[in-house]
Amino acid sequence: MANERDITITLTIDQVAQIVQESADEGPLERILAGLDSAEEFRRVLLGLLDQGHKYSQSALRSLLVLSALPLDGTERELTEIAEVTGLATSSLHRYLKTWKAVGIVEQDPHSRQYRRRRSIPDTPGRG
């Protein structure tokens, strides 16, 4: 159509978290993994897509790779362990994890400094 126009909608972090929370009974990673046999298989798929160059969003794939390195059962992992699993530099990992913490999908133990996935997304995301 000749009169089509783009529309941009800006949402706050709280609004995005609310939409995600209301849209699923399971967490977002569980939905992503639903069609795969294991987190290891998911990582293999992500790594394969990363190897295809700039055909896909490298940042989005790396971000999902970081989530896939955190066990679904909430087991904690150190930054260096996550680096080994993902192959990403710890400085990059820290930024990805800080972002996931800000939206409430990842949390960090204040004493051990280890990271874990939250079992559910909170109503109000934590600030990292």
C-alpha atoms as a PDB file:
ATOM      1  CA  MET A   1       0.000   0.000   0.000  1.00  0.00           C
ATOM      2  CA  ALA A   2       1.208   3.466  -0.809  1.00  0.00           C
ATOM      3  CA  ASN A   3       0.124   4.931   2.540  1.00  0.00           C
ATOM      4  CA  GLU A   4       1.985   2.457   4.748  1.00  0.00           C
ATOM      5  CA  ARG A   5       4.090   4.096   7.471  1.00  0.00           C
ATOM      6  CA  ASP A   6       6.421   2.684  10.073  1.00  0.00           C
ATOM      7  CA  ILE A   7       5.310   2.963  13.677  1.00  0.00           C
ATOM      8  CA  THR A   8       7.764   2.959  16.569  1.00  0.00           C
ATOM      9  CA  ILE A   9       6.697   2.125  20.112  1.00  0.00           C
ATOM     10  CA  THR A  10       9.055   2.739  23.019  1.00  0.00           C
ATOM     11  CA  LEU A  11       8.625   0.591  26.128  1.00  0.00           C
ATOM     12  CA  THR A  12      10.287   0.876  29.502  1.00  0.00           C
ATOM     13  CA  ILE A  13      12.180  -2.074  30.980  1.00  0.00           C
ATOM     14  CA  ASP A  14       9.285  -2.564  33.413  1.00  0.00           C
ATOM     15  CA  GLN A  15       6.779  -2.691  30.557  1.00  0.00           C
ATOM     16  CA  VAL A  16       8.868  -5.244  28.649  1.00  0.00           C
ATOM     17  CA  ALA A  17       9.198  -7.396  31.773  1.00  0.00           C
ATOM     18  CA  GLN A  18       5.443  -7.227  32.342  1.00  0.00           C
ATOM     19  CA  ILE A  19       4.717  -8.309  28.757  1.00  0.00           C
ATOM     20  CA  VAL A  20       7.163 -11.205  29.016  1.00  0.00           C
ATOM     21  CA  GLN A  21       5.712 -12.251  32.384  1.00  0.00           C
ATOM     22  CA  GLU A  22       2.137 -12.165  31.142  1.00  0.00           C
ATOM     23  CA  SER A  23       2.880 -13.930  27.860  1.00  0.00           C
ATOM     24  CA  ALA A  24       4.023 -17.277  29.251  1.00  0.00           C
ATOM     25  CA  ASP A  25       3.666 -19.748  32.063  1.00  0.00           C
ATOM     26  CA  GLU A  26       7.240 -20.894  31.494  1.00  0.00           C
ATOM     27  CA  GLY A  27      10.293 -18.664  31.403  1.00  0.00           C
ATOM     28  CA  PRO A  28      11.628 -17.438  28.060  1.00  0.00           C
ATOM     29  CA  LEU A  29      14.600 -19.787  27.972  1.00  0.00           C
ATOM     30  CA  GLU A  30      12.370 -22.796  28.601  1.00  0.00           C
ATOM     31  CA  ARG A  31      10.259 -21.792  25.585  1.00  0.00           C
ATOM     32  CA  ILE A  32      13.352 -21.362  23.433  1.00  0.00           C
ATOM     33  CA  LEU A  33      14.693 -24.754  24.512  1.00  0.00           C
ATOM     34  CA  ALA A  34      11.328 -26.528  24.126  1.00  0.00           C
ATOM     35  CA  GLY A  35      12.133 -27.857  20.659  1.00  0.00           C
ATOM     36  CA  LEU A  36      15.662 -28.957  21.530  1.00  0.00           C
ATOM     37  CA  ASP A  37      16.835 -32.004  23.444  1.00  0.00           C
ATOM     38  CA  SER A  38      19.324 -30.186  25.659  1.00  0.00           C
ATOM     39  CA  ALA A  39      21.009 -26.917  26.500  1.00  0.00           C
ATOM     40  CA  GLU A  40      24.148 -28.382  24.912  1.00  0.00           C
ATOM     41  CA  GLU A  41      22.294 -28.840  21.619  1.00  0.00           C
ATOM     42  CA  PHE A  42      20.992 -25.272  21.891  1.00  0.00           C
ATOM     43  CA  ARG A  43      24.566 -23.992  22.392  1.00  0.00           C
ATOM     44  CA  ARG A  44      25.677 -26.004  19.367  1.00  0.00           C
ATOM     45  CA  VAL A  45      22.931 -24.380  17.252  1.00  0.00           C
ATOM     46  CA  LEU A  46      23.909 -20.903  18.500  1.00  0.00           C
ATOM     47  CA  LEU A  47      27.605 -21.502  17.816  1.00  0.00           C
ATOM     48  CA  GLY A  48      26.742 -22.691  14.310  1.00  0.00           C
ATOM     49  CA  LEU A  49      24.775 -19.509  13.660  1.00  0.00           C
ATOM     50  CA  LEU A  50      27.618 -17.383  15.049  1.00  0.00           C
ATOM     51  CA  ASP A  51      29.990 -19.094  12.604  1.00  0.00           C
ATOM     52  CA  GLN A  52      27.860 -17.870   9.685  1.00  0.00           C
ATOM     53  CA  GLY A  53      29.271 -14.369  10.028  1.00  0.00           C
ATOM     54  CA  HIS A  54      27.042 -11.326   9.971  1.00  0.00           C
ATOM     55  CA  LYS A  55      24.035 -13.126   8.523  1.00  0.00           C
ATOM     56  CA  TYR A  56      22.440 -12.957  12.008  1.00  0.00           C
ATOM     57  CA  SER A  57      22.695 -10.584  14.945  1.00  0.00           C
ATOM     58  CA  GLN A  58      25.935 -11.576  16.636  1.00  0.00           C
ATOM     59  CA  SER A  59      25.047  -9.729  19.824  1.00  0.00           C
ATOM     60  CA  ALA A  60      21.655 -11.433  20.128  1.00  0.00           C
ATOM     61  CA  LEU A  61      23.196 -14.863  19.545  1.00  0.00           C
ATOM     62  CA  ARG A  62      25.964 -14.241  22.100  1.00  0.00           C
ATOM     63  CA  SER A  63      23.401 -13.053  24.621  1.00  0.00           C
ATOM     64  CA  LEU A  64      21.405 -16.268  24.182  1.00  0.00           C
ATOM     65  CA  LEU A  65      24.655 -18.233  24.390  1.00  0.00           C
ATOM     66  CA  VAL A  66      25.302 -16.689  27.807  1.00  0.00           C
ATOM     67  CA  LEU A  67      21.828 -17.712  29.007  1.00  0.00           C
ATOM     68  CA  SER A  68      22.333 -21.234  27.691  1.00  0.00           C
ATOM     69  CA  ALA A  69      25.452 -21.552  29.877  1.00  0.00           C
ATOM     70  CA  LEU A  70      23.395 -21.060  33.035  1.00  0.00           C
ATOM     71  CA  PRO A  71      21.690 -24.279  34.167  1.00  0.00           C
ATOM     72  CA  LEU A  72      17.895 -24.224  34.124  1.00  0.00           C
ATOM     73  CA  ASP A  73      17.789 -25.676  37.642  1.00  0.00           C
ATOM     74  CA  GLY A  74      19.297 -22.514  39.143  1.00  0.00           C
ATOM     75  CA  THR A  75      22.752 -23.965  39.795  1.00  0.00           C
ATOM     76  CA  GLU A  76      25.293 -21.168  40.231  1.00  0.00           C
ATOM     77  CA  ARG A  77      28.256 -20.655  37.928  1.00  0.00           C
ATOM     78  CA  GLU A  78      31.345 -18.481  38.220  1.00  0.00           C
ATOM     79  CA  LEU A  79      32.152 -15.992  35.486  1.00  0.00           C
ATOM     80  CA  THR A  80      35.194 -18.057  34.444  1.00  0.00           C
ATOM     81  CA  GLU A  81      33.022 -21.193  34.094  1.00  0.00           C
ATOM     82  CA  ILE A  82      30.602 -19.324  31.852  1.00  0.00           C
ATOM     83  CA  ALA A  83      33.559 -18.048  29.816  1.00  0.00           C
ATOM     84  CA  GLU A  84      34.782 -21.622  29.297  1.00  0.00           C
ATOM     85  CA  VAL A  85      31.361 -22.826  28.145  1.00  0.00           C
ATOM     86  CA  THR A  86      30.662 -19.895  25.822  1.00  0.00           C
ATOM     87  CA  GLY A  87      34.133 -19.025  24.585  1.00  0.00           C
ATOM     88  CA  LEU A  88      33.430 -15.350  25.298  1.00  0.00           C
ATOM     89  CA  ALA A  89      35.792 -12.932  27.052  1.00  0.00           C
ATOM     90  CA  THR A  90      34.924 -12.213  30.683  1.00  0.00           C
ATOM     91  CA  SER A  91      34.565  -8.477  29.971  1.00  0.00           C
ATOM     92  CA  SER A  92      31.890  -9.198  27.360  1.00  0.00           C
ATOM     93  CA  LEU A  93      30.240 -11.771  29.604  1.00  0.00           C
ATOM     94  CA  HIS A  94      30.013  -9.267  32.410  1.00  0.00           C
ATOM     95  CA  ARG A  95      28.068  -6.858  30.165  1.00  0.00           C
ATOM     96  CA  TYR A  96      25.681  -9.572  28.974  1.00  0.00           C
ATOM     97  CA  LEU A  97      25.098 -10.830  32.510  1.00  0.00           C
ATOM     98  CA  LYS A  98      24.572  -7.291  33.802  1.00  0.00           C
ATOM     99  CA  THR A  99      21.908  -6.806  31.116  1.00  0.00           C
ATOM    100  CA  TRP A 100      20.173 -10.117  31.965  1.00  0.00           C
ATOM    101  CA  LYS A 101      20.299  -9.110  35.647  1.00  0.00           C
ATOM    102  CA  ALA A 102      18.673  -5.758  34.838  1.00  0.00           C
ATOM    103  CA  VAL A 103      15.660  -7.471  33.259  1.00  0.00           C
ATOM    104  CA  GLY A 104      15.445 -10.034  36.056  1.00  0.00           C
ATOM    105  CA  ILE A 105      16.369 -13.224  34.188  1.00  0.00           C
ATOM    106  CA  VAL A 106      19.743 -13.693  35.917  1.00  0.00           C
ATOM    107  CA  GLU A 107      20.732 -13.043  39.502  1.00  0.00           C
ATOM    108  CA  GLN A 108      24.075 -12.915  41.260  1.00  0.00           C
ATOM    109  CA  ASP A 109      24.822 -14.142  44.749  1.00  0.00           C
ATOM    110  CA  PRO A 110      26.201 -11.127  46.643  1.00  0.00           C
ATOM    111  CA  HIS A 111      28.630 -13.278  48.647  1.00  0.00           C
ATOM    112  CA  SER A 112      29.975 -15.811  46.144  1.00  0.00           C
ATOM    113  CA  ARG A 113      29.524 -13.429  43.146  1.00  0.00           C
ATOM    114  CA  GLN A 114      28.319 -16.460  41.143  1.00  0.00           C
ATOM    115  CA  TYR A 115      25.511 -16.191  38.619  1.00  0.00           C
ATOM    116  CA  ARG A 116      22.351 -18.262  38.243  1.00  0.00           C
ATOM    117  CA  ARG A 117      19.203 -18.164  36.182  1.00  0.00           C
ATOM    118  CA  ARG A 118      16.035 -17.168  37.972  1.00  0.00           C
ATOM    119  CA  ARG A 119      13.287 -19.753  37.886  1.00  0.00           C
ATOM    120  CA  SER A 120      10.738 -17.081  36.992  1.00  0.00           C
ATOM    121  CA  ILE A 121      10.805 -13.471  35.902  1.00  0.00           C
ATOM    122  CA  PRO A 122       9.896 -11.086  38.749  1.00  0.00           C
ATOM    123  CA  ASP A 123       7.068  -8.559  38.455  1.00  0.00           C
ATOM    124  CA  THR A 124       9.589  -5.742  38.800  1.00  0.00           C
ATOM    125  CA  PRO A 125      12.997  -6.387  37.233  1.00  0.00           C
ATOM    126  CA  GLY A 126      16.050  -6.017  39.451  1.00  0.00           C
ATOM    127  CA  ARG A 127      18.607  -3.395  38.674  1.00  0.00           C
ATOM    128  CA  GLY A 128      22.117  -4.700  38.012  1.00  0.00           C
END
